[in-house]
Amino acid sequence: MAGVNACPSTTGRTPFYLDPPYWQTEGYGVPFEWPEYEALATAMRTVKGKVMMSINDHPDIRRAFDGLVMFDTGITYSVGNANGPQKKGGGGW
């Protein structure tokens, strides 16, 4: 979890953009386990400054980031396979 832990806890006026791997999708080639999403949610609740994150709209993600403002982009996307099944409902916090 070095990536998550490397985020400063106080930022003042610094904006952050987070783009973690989409939950329960394949194709990123890097490990990113559930505790890292939980750590991101905690960091987003406590950081001083603005944070924007793009992530897939999944019930687990909604639970983890409950209480934070979420914007549904309504986009269609696929991960790692341009010809594969399309998923709908990218979200951002």
N, C-alpha and C. Protein backbone atom coordinates (compact mmCIF):
# COMPACT_ATOMS: atom_id res chain seq x y z
N MET A 1 0.81 -1.19 0.00
CA MET A 1 0.00 0.00 0.00
C MET A 1 0.85 1.25 0.00
N ALA A 2 2.03 1.18 -0.52
CA ALA A 2 2.92 2.35 -0.52
C ALA A 2 2.29 3.51 -1.25
N GLY A 3 1.59 3.26 -2.36
CA GLY A 3 0.99 4.35 -3.12
C GLY A 3 -0.02 5.12 -2.31
N VAL A 4 -0.89 4.41 -1.61
CA VAL A 4 -1.90 5.06 -0.79
C VAL A 4 -1.25 5.77 0.38
N ASN A 5 -0.31 5.11 1.03
CA ASN A 5 0.34 5.70 2.20
C ASN A 5 1.21 6.90 1.84
N ALA A 6 1.58 7.02 0.58
CA ALA A 6 2.41 8.15 0.17
C ALA A 6 1.61 9.44 0.04
N CYS A 7 0.28 9.36 0.06
CA CYS A 7 -0.54 10.56 -0.03
C CYS A 7 -0.42 11.36 1.26
N PRO A 8 -0.13 12.64 1.16
CA PRO A 8 -0.04 13.45 2.39
C PRO A 8 -1.39 13.56 3.06
N SER A 9 -1.38 13.68 4.38
CA SER A 9 -2.64 13.77 5.12
C SER A 9 -3.13 15.21 5.20
N THR A 10 -2.27 16.17 4.99
CA THR A 10 -2.70 17.56 4.96
C THR A 10 -2.13 18.21 3.72
N THR A 11 -2.97 18.89 3.00
CA THR A 11 -2.52 19.46 1.74
C THR A 11 -2.82 20.93 1.58
N GLY A 12 -3.57 21.51 2.50
CA GLY A 12 -3.93 22.91 2.31
C GLY A 12 -4.81 23.07 1.09
N ARG A 13 -4.31 23.77 0.09
CA ARG A 13 -5.10 24.08 -1.10
C ARG A 13 -4.74 23.19 -2.29
N THR A 14 -3.96 22.17 -2.08
CA THR A 14 -3.50 21.31 -3.17
C THR A 14 -4.61 20.37 -3.61
N PRO A 15 -5.01 20.38 -4.88
CA PRO A 15 -5.99 19.40 -5.36
C PRO A 15 -5.31 18.08 -5.70
N PHE A 16 -6.01 16.99 -5.50
CA PHE A 16 -5.52 15.66 -5.83
C PHE A 16 -6.46 15.00 -6.81
N TYR A 17 -5.91 14.29 -7.78
CA TYR A 17 -6.69 13.44 -8.67
C TYR A 17 -6.23 12.01 -8.47
N LEU A 18 -7.16 11.12 -8.16
CA LEU A 18 -6.85 9.71 -7.92
C LEU A 18 -7.51 8.87 -9.01
N ASP A 19 -6.78 7.90 -9.52
CA ASP A 19 -7.29 7.02 -10.55
C ASP A 19 -6.86 5.58 -10.25
N PRO A 20 -7.43 5.00 -9.17
CA PRO A 20 -7.04 3.63 -8.82
C PRO A 20 -7.62 2.63 -9.82
N PRO A 21 -7.10 1.41 -9.82
CA PRO A 21 -7.69 0.37 -10.68
C PRO A 21 -9.17 0.17 -10.34
N TYR A 22 -9.96 -0.08 -11.36
CA TYR A 22 -11.38 -0.31 -11.13
C TYR A 22 -11.56 -1.63 -10.37
N TRP A 23 -12.43 -1.60 -9.38
CA TRP A 23 -12.66 -2.74 -8.49
C TRP A 23 -13.27 -3.91 -9.27
N GLN A 24 -12.70 -5.09 -9.05
CA GLN A 24 -13.13 -6.37 -9.64
C GLN A 24 -13.12 -6.34 -11.16
N THR A 25 -12.07 -5.75 -11.71
CA THR A 25 -11.84 -5.80 -13.16
C THR A 25 -10.45 -6.35 -13.39
N GLU A 26 -10.18 -6.79 -14.57
CA GLU A 26 -8.88 -7.33 -14.93
C GLU A 26 -8.22 -6.40 -15.94
N GLY A 27 -6.91 -6.52 -16.07
CA GLY A 27 -6.24 -5.81 -17.13
C GLY A 27 -5.28 -4.72 -16.69
N TYR A 28 -5.16 -4.47 -15.39
CA TYR A 28 -4.25 -3.42 -14.93
C TYR A 28 -2.83 -3.94 -14.73
N GLY A 29 -2.68 -5.20 -14.36
CA GLY A 29 -1.36 -5.77 -14.19
C GLY A 29 -0.64 -5.35 -12.93
N VAL A 30 -1.34 -4.73 -12.00
CA VAL A 30 -0.74 -4.34 -10.73
C VAL A 30 -1.67 -4.78 -9.59
N PRO A 31 -1.10 -5.23 -8.48
CA PRO A 31 -1.96 -5.60 -7.36
C PRO A 31 -2.52 -4.36 -6.67
N PHE A 32 -3.79 -4.37 -6.39
CA PHE A 32 -4.45 -3.30 -5.65
C PHE A 32 -5.60 -3.95 -4.91
N GLU A 33 -5.36 -4.29 -3.66
CA GLU A 33 -6.31 -5.08 -2.88
C GLU A 33 -7.33 -4.19 -2.18
N TRP A 34 -8.40 -4.81 -1.66
CA TRP A 34 -9.49 -4.08 -1.02
C TRP A 34 -9.03 -3.12 0.08
N PRO A 35 -8.08 -3.49 0.94
CA PRO A 35 -7.64 -2.54 1.98
C PRO A 35 -7.11 -1.22 1.42
N GLU A 36 -6.61 -1.24 0.20
CA GLU A 36 -6.13 0.00 -0.39
C GLU A 36 -7.28 0.93 -0.77
N TYR A 37 -8.41 0.37 -1.20
CA TYR A 37 -9.60 1.21 -1.46
C TYR A 37 -10.11 1.80 -0.15
N GLU A 38 -10.10 0.99 0.90
CA GLU A 38 -10.54 1.49 2.21
C GLU A 38 -9.62 2.61 2.69
N ALA A 39 -8.32 2.46 2.46
CA ALA A 39 -7.36 3.50 2.85
C ALA A 39 -7.60 4.77 2.05
N LEU A 40 -7.92 4.63 0.76
CA LEU A 40 -8.24 5.80 -0.05
C LEU A 40 -9.47 6.52 0.49
N ALA A 41 -10.50 5.76 0.85
CA ALA A 41 -11.71 6.37 1.40
C ALA A 41 -11.41 7.12 2.68
N THR A 42 -10.60 6.54 3.54
CA THR A 42 -10.21 7.20 4.79
C THR A 42 -9.44 8.48 4.50
N ALA A 43 -8.50 8.40 3.57
CA ALA A 43 -7.70 9.58 3.22
C ALA A 43 -8.59 10.67 2.65
N MET A 44 -9.56 10.30 1.82
CA MET A 44 -10.44 11.30 1.22
C MET A 44 -11.32 11.98 2.27
N ARG A 45 -11.64 11.26 3.34
CA ARG A 45 -12.46 11.85 4.40
C ARG A 45 -11.66 12.79 5.30
N THR A 46 -10.34 12.63 5.33
CA THR A 46 -9.54 13.39 6.29
C THR A 46 -8.60 14.41 5.67
N VAL A 47 -8.36 14.34 4.37
CA VAL A 47 -7.40 15.23 3.74
C VAL A 47 -7.93 16.67 3.76
N LYS A 48 -7.02 17.59 3.92
CA LYS A 48 -7.38 19.00 3.81
C LYS A 48 -7.06 19.41 2.39
N GLY A 49 -8.05 19.80 1.67
CA GLY A 49 -7.89 20.11 0.26
C GLY A 49 -8.97 19.41 -0.52
N LYS A 50 -8.88 19.45 -1.81
CA LYS A 50 -9.87 18.85 -2.70
C LYS A 50 -9.32 17.57 -3.32
N VAL A 51 -10.19 16.56 -3.42
CA VAL A 51 -9.81 15.28 -4.01
C VAL A 51 -10.87 14.90 -5.03
N MET A 52 -10.43 14.48 -6.20
CA MET A 52 -11.32 13.93 -7.21
C MET A 52 -10.77 12.55 -7.58
N MET A 53 -11.67 11.57 -7.69
CA MET A 53 -11.26 10.22 -8.01
C MET A 53 -12.20 9.66 -9.07
N SER A 54 -11.63 8.95 -10.03
CA SER A 54 -12.46 8.23 -11.00
C SER A 54 -12.36 6.73 -10.68
N ILE A 55 -13.52 6.08 -10.70
CA ILE A 55 -13.59 4.66 -10.34
C ILE A 55 -14.88 4.09 -10.92
N ASN A 56 -14.95 2.76 -11.03
CA ASN A 56 -16.18 2.16 -11.53
C ASN A 56 -17.26 2.21 -10.45
N ASP A 57 -18.49 2.23 -10.92
CA ASP A 57 -19.65 2.26 -10.03
C ASP A 57 -20.01 0.83 -9.66
N HIS A 58 -19.64 0.42 -8.47
CA HIS A 58 -19.84 -0.95 -7.99
C HIS A 58 -20.40 -0.85 -6.57
N PRO A 59 -21.31 -1.75 -6.17
CA PRO A 59 -21.88 -1.66 -4.82
C PRO A 59 -20.83 -1.64 -3.70
N ASP A 60 -19.76 -2.42 -3.84
CA ASP A 60 -18.70 -2.40 -2.81
C ASP A 60 -18.04 -1.03 -2.74
N ILE A 61 -17.80 -0.42 -3.89
CA ILE A 61 -17.18 0.91 -3.93
C ILE A 61 -18.11 1.93 -3.31
N ARG A 62 -19.39 1.85 -3.62
CA ARG A 62 -20.34 2.79 -3.01
C ARG A 62 -20.34 2.67 -1.49
N ARG A 63 -20.25 1.44 -0.99
CA ARG A 63 -20.22 1.26 0.48
C ARG A 63 -18.93 1.83 1.07
N ALA A 64 -17.81 1.58 0.43
CA ALA A 64 -16.53 2.04 0.97
C ALA A 64 -16.46 3.57 1.00
N PHE A 65 -17.03 4.22 -0.01
CA PHE A 65 -16.93 5.67 -0.12
C PHE A 65 -18.23 6.36 0.30
N ASP A 66 -19.06 5.65 1.06
CA ASP A 66 -20.32 6.20 1.53
C ASP A 66 -20.07 7.50 2.32
N GLY A 67 -20.91 8.47 2.08
CA GLY A 67 -20.79 9.74 2.78
C GLY A 67 -20.02 10.79 1.99
N LEU A 68 -19.30 10.36 0.97
CA LEU A 68 -18.59 11.30 0.10
C LEU A 68 -19.47 11.61 -1.10
N VAL A 69 -19.34 12.78 -1.67
CA VAL A 69 -20.15 13.18 -2.82
C VAL A 69 -19.68 12.41 -4.05
N MET A 70 -20.63 11.77 -4.73
CA MET A 70 -20.32 10.98 -5.92
C MET A 70 -21.08 11.54 -7.11
N PHE A 71 -20.40 11.61 -8.25
CA PHE A 71 -21.02 12.04 -9.49
C PHE A 71 -20.99 10.88 -10.46
N ASP A 72 -22.15 10.50 -10.97
CA ASP A 72 -22.23 9.42 -11.95
C ASP A 72 -22.00 10.01 -13.33
N THR A 73 -20.97 9.55 -14.00
CA THR A 73 -20.65 10.08 -15.32
C THR A 73 -21.51 9.46 -16.42
N GLY A 74 -22.08 8.28 -16.14
CA GLY A 74 -22.92 7.62 -17.12
C GLY A 74 -22.17 7.16 -18.36
N ILE A 75 -20.86 6.98 -18.24
CA ILE A 75 -20.06 6.57 -19.40
C ILE A 75 -20.07 5.06 -19.56
N THR A 76 -19.69 4.61 -20.74
CA THR A 76 -19.50 3.20 -21.02
C THR A 76 -18.03 2.98 -21.25
N TYR A 77 -17.48 1.92 -20.67
CA TYR A 77 -16.04 1.69 -20.76
C TYR A 77 -15.76 0.20 -20.80
N SER A 78 -14.55 -0.15 -21.20
CA SER A 78 -14.04 -1.50 -21.06
C SER A 78 -12.61 -1.37 -20.56
N VAL A 79 -12.15 -2.37 -19.86
CA VAL A 79 -10.81 -2.33 -19.29
C VAL A 79 -9.96 -3.42 -19.95
N GLY A 80 -8.91 -3.01 -20.61
CA GLY A 80 -7.95 -3.96 -21.17
C GLY A 80 -8.43 -4.74 -22.37
N ASN A 81 -9.61 -4.44 -22.89
CA ASN A 81 -10.10 -5.19 -24.04
C ASN A 81 -11.09 -4.31 -24.80
N ALA A 82 -10.63 -3.69 -25.84
CA ALA A 82 -11.48 -2.77 -26.60
C ALA A 82 -12.68 -3.48 -27.23
N ASN A 83 -12.56 -4.78 -27.48
CA ASN A 83 -13.66 -5.52 -28.11
C ASN A 83 -14.49 -6.31 -27.11
N GLY A 84 -14.13 -6.24 -25.84
CA GLY A 84 -14.82 -7.02 -24.83
C GLY A 84 -16.11 -6.38 -24.38
N PRO A 85 -16.71 -6.98 -23.36
CA PRO A 85 -17.97 -6.46 -22.85
C PRO A 85 -17.79 -5.03 -22.34
N GLN A 86 -18.75 -4.21 -22.61
CA GLN A 86 -18.72 -2.83 -22.13
C GLN A 86 -19.45 -2.76 -20.78
N LYS A 87 -18.92 -1.96 -19.90
CA LYS A 87 -19.54 -1.76 -18.60
C LYS A 87 -20.00 -0.32 -18.54
N LYS A 88 -21.10 -0.09 -17.87
CA LYS A 88 -21.66 1.24 -17.83
C LYS A 88 -21.61 1.78 -16.41
N GLY A 89 -21.46 3.09 -16.29
CA GLY A 89 -21.62 3.73 -15.00
C GLY A 89 -20.34 4.07 -14.30
N GLY A 90 -19.38 4.65 -14.98
CA GLY A 90 -18.19 5.14 -14.29
C GLY A 90 -18.59 6.21 -13.29
N GLY A 91 -17.93 6.23 -12.17
CA GLY A 91 -18.28 7.20 -11.14
C GLY A 91 -17.08 8.02 -10.74
N GLY A 92 -17.34 9.12 -10.15
CA GLY A 92 -16.27 9.97 -9.65
C GLY A 92 -16.66 10.57 -8.32
N TRP A 93 -15.67 10.73 -7.48
CA TRP A 93 -15.89 11.36 -6.19
C TRP A 93 -15.03 12.58 -6.11
